[in-house]
Amino acid sequence: MLMNLDLRKAVMANLDDSNYDEIRETIIDAIESGEEKTLPGLGVIFEILWNGSNDAEKETIVSRVSQCLRPKAS
């Protein structure tokens, strides 16, 4: 459990004082790298997004994730 808290703190510290472009680039780099080690950091970013969202925004997030998980019609 301690490791998870350290990871959260590290991700938040790395993003602290980041501007829009820096945060966007961080997310894109993590996704495009395809490395498993970036997934926990993306999870922390998602947690920050979720915790900062109101109920309507959370519904939108869940809806979008649900839509993206559905197989594409061929």
PDB file of N, CA and C in Angstrom:
ATOM      1  N   MET A   1       0.829  -1.197   0.000  1.00  0.00           N
ATOM      2  CA  MET A   1       0.000   0.000   0.000  1.00  0.00           C
ATOM      3  C   MET A   1       0.868   1.254   0.000  1.00  0.00           C
ATOM      4  N   LEU A   2       1.965   1.223   0.699  1.00  0.00           N
ATOM      5  CA  LEU A   2       2.862   2.372   0.760  1.00  0.00           C
ATOM      6  C   LEU A   2       3.372   2.742  -0.628  1.00  0.00           C
ATOM      7  N   MET A   3       3.666   1.730  -1.458  1.00  0.00           N
ATOM      8  CA  MET A   3       4.154   1.989  -2.807  1.00  0.00           C
ATOM      9  C   MET A   3       3.121   2.770  -3.617  1.00  0.00           C
ATOM     10  N   ASN A   4       1.835   2.420  -3.492  1.00  0.00           N
ATOM     11  CA  ASN A   4       0.781   3.119  -4.213  1.00  0.00           C
ATOM     12  C   ASN A   4       0.732   4.592  -3.819  1.00  0.00           C
ATOM     13  N   LEU A   5       0.858   4.884  -2.532  1.00  0.00           N
ATOM     14  CA  LEU A   5       0.838   6.260  -2.070  1.00  0.00           C
ATOM     15  C   LEU A   5       2.036   7.021  -2.618  1.00  0.00           C
ATOM     16  N   ASP A   6       3.186   6.360  -2.644  1.00  0.00           N
ATOM     17  CA  ASP A   6       4.382   6.992  -3.198  1.00  0.00           C
ATOM     18  C   ASP A   6       4.206   7.273  -4.688  1.00  0.00           C
ATOM     19  N   LEU A   7       3.573   6.353  -5.405  1.00  0.00           N
ATOM     20  CA  LEU A   7       3.327   6.540  -6.828  1.00  0.00           C
ATOM     21  C   LEU A   7       2.395   7.731  -7.049  1.00  0.00           C
ATOM     22  N   ARG A   8       1.327   7.800  -6.277  1.00  0.00           N
ATOM     23  CA  ARG A   8       0.406   8.937  -6.397  1.00  0.00           C
ATOM     24  C   ARG A   8       1.143  10.249  -6.166  1.00  0.00           C
ATOM     25  N   LYS A   9       1.924  10.284  -5.100  1.00  0.00           N
ATOM     26  CA  LYS A   9       2.665  11.509  -4.770  1.00  0.00           C
ATOM     27  C   LYS A   9       3.658  11.851  -5.878  1.00  0.00           C
ATOM     28  N   ALA A  10       4.324  10.843  -6.410  1.00  0.00           N
ATOM     29  CA  ALA A  10       5.314  11.081  -7.464  1.00  0.00           C
ATOM     30  C   ALA A  10       4.658  11.621  -8.731  1.00  0.00           C
ATOM     31  N   VAL A  11       3.544  11.019  -9.130  1.00  0.00           N
ATOM     32  CA  VAL A  11       2.852  11.491 -10.333  1.00  0.00           C
ATOM     33  C   VAL A  11       2.359  12.912 -10.122  1.00  0.00           C
ATOM     34  N   MET A  12       1.749  13.169  -8.971  1.00  0.00           N
ATOM     35  CA  MET A  12       1.245  14.515  -8.689  1.00  0.00           C
ATOM     36  C   MET A  12       2.381  15.531  -8.644  1.00  0.00           C
ATOM     37  N   ALA A  13       3.511  15.147  -8.067  1.00  0.00           N
ATOM     38  CA  ALA A  13       4.664  16.049  -8.008  1.00  0.00           C
ATOM     39  C   ALA A  13       5.205  16.332  -9.408  1.00  0.00           C
ATOM     40  N   ASN A  14       5.221  15.306 -10.263  1.00  0.00           N
ATOM     41  CA  ASN A  14       5.706  15.487 -11.634  1.00  0.00           C
ATOM     42  C   ASN A  14       4.796  16.397 -12.455  1.00  0.00           C
ATOM     43  N   LEU A  15       3.516  16.378 -12.139  1.00  0.00           N
ATOM     44  CA  LEU A  15       2.562  17.191 -12.895  1.00  0.00           C
ATOM     45  C   LEU A  15       2.309  18.551 -12.258  1.00  0.00           C
ATOM     46  N   ASP A  16       2.761  18.722 -11.025  1.00  0.00           N
ATOM     47  CA  ASP A  16       2.552  19.980 -10.311  1.00  0.00           C
ATOM     48  C   ASP A  16       3.148  21.127 -11.117  1.00  0.00           C
ATOM     49  N   ASP A  17       2.414  22.178 -11.269  1.00  0.00           N
ATOM     50  CA  ASP A  17       2.833  23.369 -12.027  1.00  0.00           C
ATOM     51  C   ASP A  17       2.985  23.125 -13.523  1.00  0.00           C
ATOM     52  N   SER A  18       2.490  21.983 -14.024  1.00  0.00           N
ATOM     53  CA  SER A  18       2.526  21.730 -15.468  1.00  0.00           C
ATOM     54  C   SER A  18       1.409  22.496 -16.143  1.00  0.00           C
ATOM     55  N   ASN A  19       1.683  22.971 -17.338  1.00  0.00           N
ATOM     56  CA  ASN A  19       0.634  23.650 -18.093  1.00  0.00           C
ATOM     57  C   ASN A  19      -0.103  22.639 -18.963  1.00  0.00           C
ATOM     58  N   TYR A  20      -1.100  23.117 -19.669  1.00  0.00           N
ATOM     59  CA  TYR A  20      -1.936  22.264 -20.517  1.00  0.00           C
ATOM     60  C   TYR A  20      -1.096  21.419 -21.471  1.00  0.00           C
ATOM     61  N   ASP A  21      -0.191  22.069 -22.204  1.00  0.00           N
ATOM     62  CA  ASP A  21       0.612  21.357 -23.198  1.00  0.00           C
ATOM     63  C   ASP A  21       1.493  20.283 -22.567  1.00  0.00           C
ATOM     64  N   GLU A  22       2.065  20.573 -21.410  1.00  0.00           N
ATOM     65  CA  GLU A  22       2.928  19.600 -20.729  1.00  0.00           C
ATOM     66  C   GLU A  22       2.121  18.394 -20.248  1.00  0.00           C
ATOM     67  N   ILE A  23       0.935  18.638 -19.723  1.00  0.00           N
ATOM     68  CA  ILE A  23       0.093  17.528 -19.267  1.00  0.00           C
ATOM     69  C   ILE A  23      -0.351  16.689 -20.460  1.00  0.00           C
ATOM     70  N   ARG A  24      -0.745  17.356 -21.522  1.00  0.00           N
ATOM     71  CA  ARG A  24      -1.167  16.652 -22.740  1.00  0.00           C
ATOM     72  C   ARG A  24      -0.029  15.783 -23.270  1.00  0.00           C
ATOM     73  N   GLU A  25       1.154  16.340 -23.343  1.00  0.00           N
ATOM     74  CA  GLU A  25       2.322  15.600 -23.846  1.00  0.00           C
ATOM     75  C   GLU A  25       2.655  14.414 -22.947  1.00  0.00           C
ATOM     76  N   THR A  26       2.539  14.597 -21.644  1.00  0.00           N
ATOM     77  CA  THR A  26       2.787  13.501 -20.699  1.00  0.00           C
ATOM     78  C   THR A  26       1.839  12.338 -20.967  1.00  0.00           C
ATOM     79  N   ILE A  27       0.555  12.658 -21.158  1.00  0.00           N
ATOM     80  CA  ILE A  27      -0.445  11.616 -21.418  1.00  0.00           C
ATOM     81  C   ILE A  27      -0.179  10.931 -22.750  1.00  0.00           C
ATOM     82  N   ILE A  28       0.077  11.718 -23.788  1.00  0.00           N
ATOM     83  CA  ILE A  28       0.343  11.146 -25.113  1.00  0.00           C
ATOM     84  C   ILE A  28       1.586  10.268 -25.090  1.00  0.00           C
ATOM     85  N   ASP A  29       2.652  10.742 -24.481  1.00  0.00           N
ATOM     86  CA  ASP A  29       3.890   9.955 -24.400  1.00  0.00           C
ATOM     87  C   ASP A  29       3.663   8.637 -23.677  1.00  0.00           C
ATOM     88  N   ALA A  30       2.915   8.687 -22.578  1.00  0.00           N
ATOM     89  CA  ALA A  30       2.659   7.465 -21.806  1.00  0.00           C
ATOM     90  C   ALA A  30       1.874   6.455 -22.627  1.00  0.00           C
ATOM     91  N   ILE A  31       0.889   6.926 -23.370  1.00  0.00           N
ATOM     92  CA  ILE A  31       0.067   6.020 -24.174  1.00  0.00           C
ATOM     93  C   ILE A  31       0.841   5.501 -25.382  1.00  0.00           C
ATOM     94  N   GLU A  32       1.524   6.391 -26.073  1.00  0.00           N
ATOM     95  CA  GLU A  32       2.241   5.990 -27.285  1.00  0.00           C
ATOM     96  C   GLU A  32       3.435   5.091 -27.007  1.00  0.00           C
ATOM     97  N   SER A  33       4.008   5.192 -25.813  1.00  0.00           N
ATOM     98  CA  SER A  33       5.156   4.340 -25.497  1.00  0.00           C
ATOM     99  C   SER A  33       4.748   2.872 -25.452  1.00  0.00           C
ATOM    100  N   GLY A  34       3.494   2.613 -25.080  1.00  0.00           N
ATOM    101  CA  GLY A  34       3.010   1.237 -25.010  1.00  0.00           C
ATOM    102  C   GLY A  34       3.647   0.425 -23.908  1.00  0.00           C
ATOM    103  N   GLU A  35       4.342   1.088 -23.006  1.00  0.00           N
ATOM    104  CA  GLU A  35       5.035   0.372 -21.934  1.00  0.00           C
ATOM    105  C   GLU A  35       4.102   0.151 -20.750  1.00  0.00           C
ATOM    106  N   GLU A  36       4.150  -1.049 -20.224  1.00  0.00           N
ATOM    107  CA  GLU A  36       3.325  -1.402 -19.075  1.00  0.00           C
ATOM    108  C   GLU A  36       3.611  -0.507 -17.871  1.00  0.00           C
ATOM    109  N   LYS A  37       4.844  -0.054 -17.744  1.00  0.00           N
ATOM    110  CA  LYS A  37       5.219   0.728 -16.566  1.00  0.00           C
ATOM    111  C   LYS A  37       4.537   2.088 -16.520  1.00  0.00           C
ATOM    112  N   THR A  38       3.984   2.554 -17.648  1.00  0.00           N
ATOM    113  CA  THR A  38       3.296   3.844 -17.647  1.00  0.00           C
ATOM    114  C   THR A  38       1.845   3.727 -17.202  1.00  0.00           C
ATOM    115  N   LEU A  39       1.296   2.521 -17.184  1.00  0.00           N
ATOM    116  CA  LEU A  39      -0.117   2.342 -16.848  1.00  0.00           C
ATOM    117  C   LEU A  39      -0.480   2.825 -15.436  1.00  0.00           C
ATOM    118  N   PRO A  40       0.332   2.541 -14.422  1.00  0.00           N
ATOM    119  CA  PRO A  40      -0.025   3.061 -13.098  1.00  0.00           C
ATOM    120  C   PRO A  40      -0.090   4.591 -13.055  1.00  0.00           C
ATOM    121  N   GLY A  41       0.805   5.259 -13.745  1.00  0.00           N
ATOM    122  CA  GLY A  41       0.788   6.716 -13.787  1.00  0.00           C
ATOM    123  C   GLY A  41      -0.466   7.243 -14.466  1.00  0.00           C
ATOM    124  N   LEU A  42      -0.871   6.581 -15.552  1.00  0.00           N
ATOM    125  CA  LEU A  42      -2.113   6.961 -16.222  1.00  0.00           C
ATOM    126  C   LEU A  42      -3.307   6.710 -15.309  1.00  0.00           C
ATOM    127  N   GLY A  43      -3.217   5.658 -14.510  1.00  0.00           N
ATOM    128  CA  GLY A  43      -4.274   5.388 -13.533  1.00  0.00           C
ATOM    129  C   GLY A  43      -4.386   6.497 -12.504  1.00  0.00           C
ATOM    130  N   VAL A  44      -3.261   7.009 -12.071  1.00  0.00           N
ATOM    131  CA  VAL A  44      -3.262   8.124 -11.113  1.00  0.00           C
ATOM    132  C   VAL A  44      -3.878   9.360 -11.770  1.00  0.00           C
ATOM    133  N   ILE A  45      -3.513   9.614 -13.022  1.00  0.00           N
ATOM    134  CA  ILE A  45      -4.083  10.755 -13.739  1.00  0.00           C
ATOM    135  C   ILE A  45      -5.598  10.583 -13.866  1.00  0.00           C
ATOM    136  N   PHE A  46      -6.041   9.363 -14.180  1.00  0.00           N
ATOM    137  CA  PHE A  46      -7.482   9.108 -14.263  1.00  0.00           C
ATOM    138  C   PHE A  46      -8.149   9.322 -12.911  1.00  0.00           C
ATOM    139  N   GLU A  47      -7.509   8.891 -11.841  1.00  0.00           N
ATOM    140  CA  GLU A  47      -8.047   9.091 -10.496  1.00  0.00           C
ATOM    141  C   GLU A  47      -8.198  10.582 -10.184  1.00  0.00           C
ATOM    142  N   ILE A  48      -7.208  11.363 -10.566  1.00  0.00           N
ATOM    143  CA  ILE A  48      -7.278  12.817 -10.366  1.00  0.00           C
ATOM    144  C   ILE A  48      -8.464  13.392 -11.139  1.00  0.00           C
ATOM    145  N   LEU A  49      -8.622  12.965 -12.388  1.00  0.00           N
ATOM    146  CA  LEU A  49      -9.752  13.408 -13.208  1.00  0.00           C
ATOM    147  C   LEU A  49     -11.076  13.023 -12.559  1.00  0.00           C
ATOM    148  N   TRP A  50     -11.198  11.776 -12.156  1.00  0.00           N
ATOM    149  CA  TRP A  50     -12.434  11.277 -11.559  1.00  0.00           C
ATOM    150  C   TRP A  50     -12.782  12.051 -10.283  1.00  0.00           C
ATOM    151  N   ASN A  51     -11.792  12.215  -9.424  1.00  0.00           N
ATOM    152  CA  ASN A  51     -12.037  12.900  -8.150  1.00  0.00           C
ATOM    153  C   ASN A  51     -12.354  14.385  -8.340  1.00  0.00           C
ATOM    154  N   GLY A  52     -11.910  14.967  -9.434  1.00  0.00           N
ATOM    155  CA  GLY A  52     -12.180  16.371  -9.701  1.00  0.00           C
ATOM    156  C   GLY A  52     -13.434  16.609 -10.531  1.00  0.00           C
ATOM    157  N   SER A  53     -14.163  15.541 -10.816  1.00  0.00           N
ATOM    158  CA  SER A  53     -15.354  15.641 -11.655  1.00  0.00           C
ATOM    159  C   SER A  53     -16.619  15.621 -10.818  1.00  0.00           C
ATOM    160  N   ASN A  54     -17.633  16.344 -11.301  1.00  0.00           N
ATOM    161  CA  ASN A  54     -18.936  16.283 -10.640  1.00  0.00           C
ATOM    162  C   ASN A  54     -19.685  15.049 -11.156  1.00  0.00           C
ATOM    163  N   ASP A  55     -20.878  14.807 -10.637  1.00  0.00           N
ATOM    164  CA  ASP A  55     -21.619  13.598 -11.008  1.00  0.00           C
ATOM    165  C   ASP A  55     -21.923  13.532 -12.501  1.00  0.00           C
ATOM    166  N   ALA A  56     -22.289  14.655 -13.107  1.00  0.00           N
ATOM    167  CA  ALA A  56     -22.588  14.662 -14.540  1.00  0.00           C
ATOM    168  C   ALA A  56     -21.338  14.342 -15.364  1.00  0.00           C
ATOM    169  N   GLU A  57     -20.207  14.906 -14.968  1.00  0.00           N
ATOM    170  CA  GLU A  57     -18.948  14.628 -15.678  1.00  0.00           C
ATOM    171  C   GLU A  57     -18.551  13.164 -15.516  1.00  0.00           C
ATOM    172  N   LYS A  58     -18.772  12.610 -14.337  1.00  0.00           N
ATOM    173  CA  LYS A  58     -18.475  11.183 -14.110  1.00  0.00           C
ATOM    174  C   LYS A  58     -19.338  10.310 -15.005  1.00  0.00           C
ATOM    175  N   GLU A  59     -20.611  10.669 -15.161  1.00  0.00           N
ATOM    176  CA  GLU A  59     -21.488   9.911 -16.058  1.00  0.00           C
ATOM    177  C   GLU A  59     -20.970   9.972 -17.496  1.00  0.00           C
ATOM    178  N   THR A  60     -20.491  11.131 -17.911  1.00  0.00           N
ATOM    179  CA  THR A  60     -19.931  11.290 -19.255  1.00  0.00           C
ATOM    180  C   THR A  60     -18.678  10.432 -19.419  1.00  0.00           C
ATOM    181  N   ILE A  61     -17.830  10.424 -18.423  1.00  0.00           N
ATOM    182  CA  ILE A  61     -16.605   9.619 -18.468  1.00  0.00           C
ATOM    183  C   ILE A  61     -16.962   8.138 -18.618  1.00  0.00           C
ATOM    184  N   VAL A  62     -17.876   7.656 -17.783  1.00  0.00           N
ATOM    185  CA  VAL A  62     -18.267   6.244 -17.833  1.00  0.00           C
ATOM    186  C   VAL A  62     -18.896   5.916 -19.186  1.00  0.00           C
ATOM    187  N   SER A  63     -19.727   6.811 -19.688  1.00  0.00           N
ATOM    188  CA  SER A  63     -20.362   6.598 -20.982  1.00  0.00           C
ATOM    189  C   SER A  63     -19.328   6.503 -22.098  1.00  0.00           C
ATOM    190  N   ARG A  64     -18.353   7.412 -22.098  1.00  0.00           N
ATOM    191  CA  ARG A  64     -17.314   7.399 -23.139  1.00  0.00           C
ATOM    192  C   ARG A  64     -16.451   6.136 -23.065  1.00  0.00           C
ATOM    193  N   VAL A  65     -16.077   5.754 -21.852  1.00  0.00           N
ATOM    194  CA  VAL A  65     -15.282   4.527 -21.699  1.00  0.00           C
ATOM    195  C   VAL A  65     -16.083   3.335 -22.197  1.00  0.00           C
ATOM    196  N   SER A  66     -17.357   3.280 -21.821  1.00  0.00           N
ATOM    197  CA  SER A  66     -18.221   2.190 -22.255  1.00  0.00           C
ATOM    198  C   SER A  66     -18.320   2.140 -23.775  1.00  0.00           C
ATOM    199  N   GLN A  67     -18.507   3.284 -24.399  1.00  0.00           N
ATOM    200  CA  GLN A  67     -18.583   3.350 -25.871  1.00  0.00           C
ATOM    201  C   GLN A  67     -17.284   2.886 -26.517  1.00  0.00           C
ATOM    202  N   CYS A  68     -16.175   3.296 -25.954  1.00  0.00           N
ATOM    203  CA  CYS A  68     -14.867   2.942 -26.537  1.00  0.00           C
ATOM    204  C   CYS A  68     -14.526   1.474 -26.356  1.00  0.00           C
ATOM    205  N   LEU A  69     -15.123   0.824 -25.388  1.00  0.00           N
ATOM    206  CA  LEU A  69     -14.849  -0.595 -25.151  1.00  0.00           C
ATOM    207  C   LEU A  69     -15.685  -1.508 -26.048  1.00  0.00           C
ATOM    208  N   ARG A  70     -16.752  -0.972 -26.607  1.00  0.00           N
ATOM    209  CA  ARG A  70     -17.599  -1.782 -27.482  1.00  0.00           C
ATOM    210  C   ARG A  70     -16.861  -2.084 -28.783  1.00  0.00           C
ATOM    211  N   PRO A  71     -17.013  -3.308 -29.255  1.00  0.00           N
ATOM    212  CA  PRO A  71     -16.375  -3.641 -30.538  1.00  0.00           C
ATOM    213  C   PRO A  71     -16.947  -2.782 -31.661  1.00  0.00           C
ATOM    214  N   LYS A  72     -16.078  -2.378 -32.551  1.00  0.00           N
ATOM    215  CA  LYS A  72     -16.490  -1.578 -33.695  1.00  0.00           C
ATOM    216  C   LYS A  72     -17.242  -2.478 -34.682  1.00  0.00           C
ATOM    217  N   ALA A  73     -18.341  -1.962 -35.223  1.00  0.00           N
ATOM    218  CA  ALA A  73     -19.084  -2.703 -36.223  1.00  0.00           C
ATOM    219  C   ALA A  73     -18.295  -2.702 -37.537  1.00  0.00           C
ATOM    220  N   SER A  74     -18.204  -3.854 -38.161  1.00  0.00           N
ATOM    221  CA  SER A  74     -17.440  -3.964 -39.416  1.00  0.00           C
ATOM    222  C   SER A  74     -18.323  -3.835 -40.610  1.00  0.00           C
TER     223      SER A  74
END
